[in-house]
Amino acid sequence: MHYVKKARYISGYKLVLTFEDGSVRLVDLEGYLDGEVFEPLKDVSYFRRVRVNRDIDTVVWPNEADFSPDFLYEIGVPQPKSVVAG
């Protein structure tokens, strides 16, 4: 099982996430915002309010919408670790 240690908003519906194994992955959630809980996230200004919830080890938004860290790891595109500093 994976967990998210850091999250950084990039643009649109894209985040750069750092996982417990040190890997850095770019996730684009635009195609995954289906359902009532994700409706507010379609507003990019709201989507930008992402944070890491240490209690559940994944990204969350103010309305408590979240994604499984394993799902995020799976759909993420590996990135060089230098992307985190950007």
Protein backbone atom coordinates (compact mmCIF):
# COMPACT_ATOMS: atom_id res chain seq x y z
CA MET A 1 0.00 0.00 0.00
CA HIS A 2 1.26 3.44 -0.92
CA TYR A 3 0.75 6.76 0.76
CA VAL A 4 1.18 10.38 -0.28
CA LYS A 5 3.79 12.43 1.57
CA LYS A 6 3.67 15.66 -0.46
CA ALA A 7 1.39 17.24 -3.02
CA ARG A 8 1.94 20.22 -5.25
CA TYR A 9 -0.57 21.77 -7.61
CA ILE A 10 0.78 22.19 -11.15
CA SER A 11 -2.02 23.40 -13.46
CA GLY A 12 -5.51 22.43 -14.55
CA TYR A 13 -6.25 19.21 -12.68
CA LYS A 14 -2.63 18.11 -12.39
CA LEU A 15 -0.70 17.43 -9.21
CA VAL A 16 2.84 16.29 -8.53
CA LEU A 17 2.78 13.80 -5.69
CA THR A 18 5.65 12.38 -3.66
CA PHE A 19 5.03 8.90 -2.25
CA GLU A 20 6.46 7.03 0.72
CA ASP A 21 8.89 5.13 -1.52
CA GLY A 22 10.42 8.40 -2.70
CA SER A 23 8.86 8.22 -6.15
CA VAL A 24 7.46 11.38 -7.69
CA ARG A 25 4.44 11.07 -9.98
CA LEU A 26 2.41 13.48 -12.06
CA VAL A 27 -1.31 12.77 -11.81
CA ASP A 28 -3.96 14.33 -14.01
CA LEU A 29 -7.34 13.94 -12.33
CA GLU A 30 -9.44 15.69 -14.98
CA GLY A 31 -11.01 12.45 -16.20
CA TYR A 32 -11.74 11.21 -12.68
CA LEU A 33 -13.95 13.95 -11.25
CA ASP A 34 -17.22 12.04 -11.57
CA GLY A 35 -19.79 11.95 -8.81
CA GLU A 36 -21.31 14.42 -6.40
CA VAL A 37 -18.35 14.62 -4.01
CA PHE A 38 -16.00 15.55 -6.88
CA GLU A 39 -18.29 18.17 -8.47
CA PRO A 40 -16.71 21.12 -6.55
CA LEU A 41 -13.25 20.03 -7.77
CA LYS A 42 -14.22 20.85 -11.36
CA ASP A 43 -13.70 24.50 -10.38
CA VAL A 44 -9.93 24.85 -10.75
CA SER A 45 -9.72 27.46 -7.99
CA TYR A 46 -11.27 24.88 -5.64
CA PHE A 47 -9.11 22.05 -7.00
CA ARG A 48 -6.03 24.12 -6.13
CA ARG A 49 -6.98 23.89 -2.44
CA VAL A 50 -5.64 20.33 -2.30
CA ARG A 51 -3.68 19.25 0.78
CA VAL A 52 -2.29 16.03 2.23
CA ASN A 53 -4.27 14.55 5.10
CA ARG A 54 -1.74 12.70 7.27
CA ASP A 55 -4.48 10.68 8.98
CA ILE A 56 -5.47 8.94 5.76
CA ASP A 57 -2.18 9.44 3.85
CA THR A 58 -3.65 10.91 0.69
CA VAL A 59 -4.77 14.16 -0.90
CA VAL A 60 -8.01 15.79 0.21
CA TRP A 61 -10.01 18.92 -0.47
CA PRO A 62 -12.06 21.10 1.90
CA ASN A 63 -15.23 19.05 1.20
CA GLU A 64 -13.28 15.91 2.27
CA ALA A 65 -13.17 14.50 -1.27
CA ASP A 66 -10.17 12.21 -1.62
CA PHE A 67 -8.60 9.58 -3.85
CA SER A 68 -7.03 6.29 -2.83
CA PRO A 69 -3.24 6.70 -2.67
CA ASP A 70 -2.83 3.37 -4.50
CA PHE A 71 -5.06 4.66 -7.31
CA LEU A 72 -3.02 7.87 -7.53
CA TYR A 73 0.21 5.86 -7.64
CA GLU A 74 -1.18 3.65 -10.39
CA ILE A 75 -2.35 6.48 -12.67
CA GLY A 76 0.67 8.67 -11.95
CA VAL A 77 3.39 9.20 -14.50
CA PRO A 78 6.86 8.85 -12.93
CA GLN A 79 8.82 12.11 -12.84
CA PRO A 80 12.42 12.98 -12.01
CA LYS A 81 12.83 13.89 -8.34
CA SER A 82 13.98 17.37 -9.42
CA VAL A 83 10.33 18.14 -10.30
CA VAL A 84 9.50 18.29 -6.59
CA ALA A 85 11.76 21.30 -6.06
CA GLY A 86 10.10 23.19 -8.93
